[in-house]
Protein backbone atom coordinates (compact mmCIF):
# COMPACT_ATOMS: atom_id res chain seq x y z
CA MET A 1 -9.75 9.18 -13.40
CA MET A 2 -7.47 7.90 -10.49
CA LEU A 3 -4.20 9.24 -11.84
CA HIS A 4 -5.34 12.90 -12.14
CA SER A 5 -4.65 13.84 -8.66
CA THR A 6 -1.67 13.18 -6.21
CA LEU A 7 -4.09 11.37 -3.78
CA GLY A 8 -5.17 9.12 -6.76
CA ARG A 9 -1.54 8.20 -7.68
CA PHE A 10 -0.97 7.33 -3.88
CA ARG A 11 -3.97 5.15 -4.11
CA LEU A 12 -2.64 3.28 -6.90
CA LEU A 13 0.60 2.77 -5.26
CA LEU A 14 -1.37 1.82 -2.20
CA TRP A 15 -2.84 -0.96 -4.24
CA LEU A 16 0.40 -2.10 -5.90
CA GLN A 17 2.17 -2.14 -2.61
CA GLY A 18 -0.58 -4.27 -0.94
CA LEU A 19 -0.81 -6.62 -4.00
CA SER A 20 3.05 -7.21 -3.78
CA TYR A 21 2.80 -8.03 -0.13
CA VAL A 22 -0.02 -10.58 -0.76
CA LEU A 23 1.96 -12.16 -3.76
CA LEU A 24 5.12 -12.31 -1.45
CA LEU A 25 3.09 -13.94 1.29
CA PHE A 26 0.84 -16.33 -0.48
CA VAL A 27 2.61 -17.08 -3.65
CA ALA A 28 6.40 -16.64 -3.24
CA PHE A 29 6.83 -18.25 0.16
CA PRO A 30 4.80 -21.32 -0.59
CA LEU A 31 6.67 -21.64 -4.01
CA LYS A 32 10.08 -21.46 -2.14
CA ASN A 33 8.86 -23.94 0.75
CA ALA A 34 7.59 -26.38 -1.76
CA GLY A 35 11.13 -26.29 -3.51
CA ILE A 36 9.29 -25.33 -6.71
CA LEU A 37 11.02 -21.79 -7.40
CA PRO A 38 13.51 -20.97 -4.54
CA GLN A 39 14.43 -17.68 -5.82
CA SER A 40 10.55 -16.40 -5.94
CA VAL A 41 10.99 -14.78 -2.35
CA THR A 42 14.10 -12.78 -3.75
CA TRP A 43 12.15 -11.52 -6.67
CA PHE A 44 9.00 -10.85 -4.87
CA GLY A 45 10.89 -9.36 -1.94
CA ASN A 46 12.79 -6.88 -3.97
CA LEU A 47 9.59 -5.75 -5.63
CA TYR A 48 7.88 -5.61 -2.30
CA GLY A 49 10.86 -3.33 -0.82
CA PHE A 50 10.83 -1.00 -3.72
CA LEU A 51 7.04 -0.58 -3.50
CA PHE A 52 7.20 -0.05 0.12
CA LEU A 53 9.84 2.65 0.11
CA MET A 54 8.09 4.28 -2.74
CA TYR A 55 4.85 4.14 -0.58
CA MET A 56 6.51 5.44 2.50
CA LEU A 57 8.02 8.47 0.72
CA PHE A 58 4.69 9.26 -1.18
CA MET A 59 3.03 9.06 2.23
CA VAL A 60 5.50 11.43 3.97
CA SER A 61 5.13 13.87 0.91
CA LEU A 62 1.25 13.77 1.11
CA TYR A 63 1.39 14.11 5.02
CA THR A 64 3.29 17.57 4.39
CA THR A 65 1.35 18.82 1.42
CA GLN A 66 -2.20 17.73 2.41
CA LYS A 67 -1.65 18.89 5.97
CA TRP A 68 -3.01 15.33 7.27
CA ARG A 69 -2.96 14.70 11.01
CA LEU A 70 -0.33 12.50 12.00
CA ARG A 71 -2.72 9.46 12.78
CA ARG A 72 -3.22 8.97 9.11
CA PRO A 73 0.37 8.32 8.15
CA ILE A 74 0.72 6.06 11.37
CA ALA A 75 -2.32 4.22 10.43
CA LEU A 76 -1.07 3.67 6.72
CA PHE A 77 2.17 2.45 8.05
CA PHE A 78 0.60 -0.17 10.16
CA VAL A 79 -1.86 -1.21 7.87
CA SER A 80 0.77 -1.70 5.17
CA PHE A 81 1.70 -4.91 7.45
CA ILE A 82 -1.68 -6.54 7.48
CA PRO A 83 -2.46 -8.72 4.35
CA LEU A 84 -5.01 -6.98 2.60
CA GLY A 85 -4.95 -4.16 4.80
CA ASN A 86 -4.18 -1.58 2.40
CA PHE A 87 -7.21 -2.63 0.28
CA ILE A 88 -9.42 -2.52 3.28
CA TYR A 89 -8.20 0.94 4.47
CA ASP A 90 -8.50 2.28 0.65
CA PHE A 91 -12.27 0.82 0.81
CA PHE A 92 -13.25 2.39 4.04
CA VAL A 93 -11.45 5.72 3.94
CA PHE A 94 -10.32 6.95 0.58
CA ARG A 95 -13.47 5.76 -1.13
CA LYS A 96 -15.57 7.86 1.25
CA MET A 97 -13.37 10.95 0.18
CA ASP A 98 -14.19 9.96 -3.47
CA GLN A 99 -18.11 9.96 -2.65
CA GLY A 100 -17.73 13.54 -1.15
CA GLN A 101 -18.15 12.44 2.49
CA ARG A 102 -16.26 14.41 5.05
CA ILE A 103 -13.22 12.63 6.41
CA VAL A 104 -11.24 13.93 9.39
CA LYS A 105 -7.74 14.44 8.05
């Protein structure tokens, strides 16, 4: 199960933060610009901001406890600003860890 490890909980947060970013860009902004729901950006923006802050705090915590090299948190930071970037990073990096392949920290 994903939630039994610290890395698993981080991956869940990675997915939630990525989903909130996609919803902000592709649901909230079009709803606001169409005039259908002008406050949608505020709602989704607050959710995204909270999840992004938790994501960054959790990532720094993992960086120190898991002894990651500095390039992983830097990559995770920049990937978080690319729509669907979190999902792609999870698929290509963290899934390999689940399958038992060696990943350079």
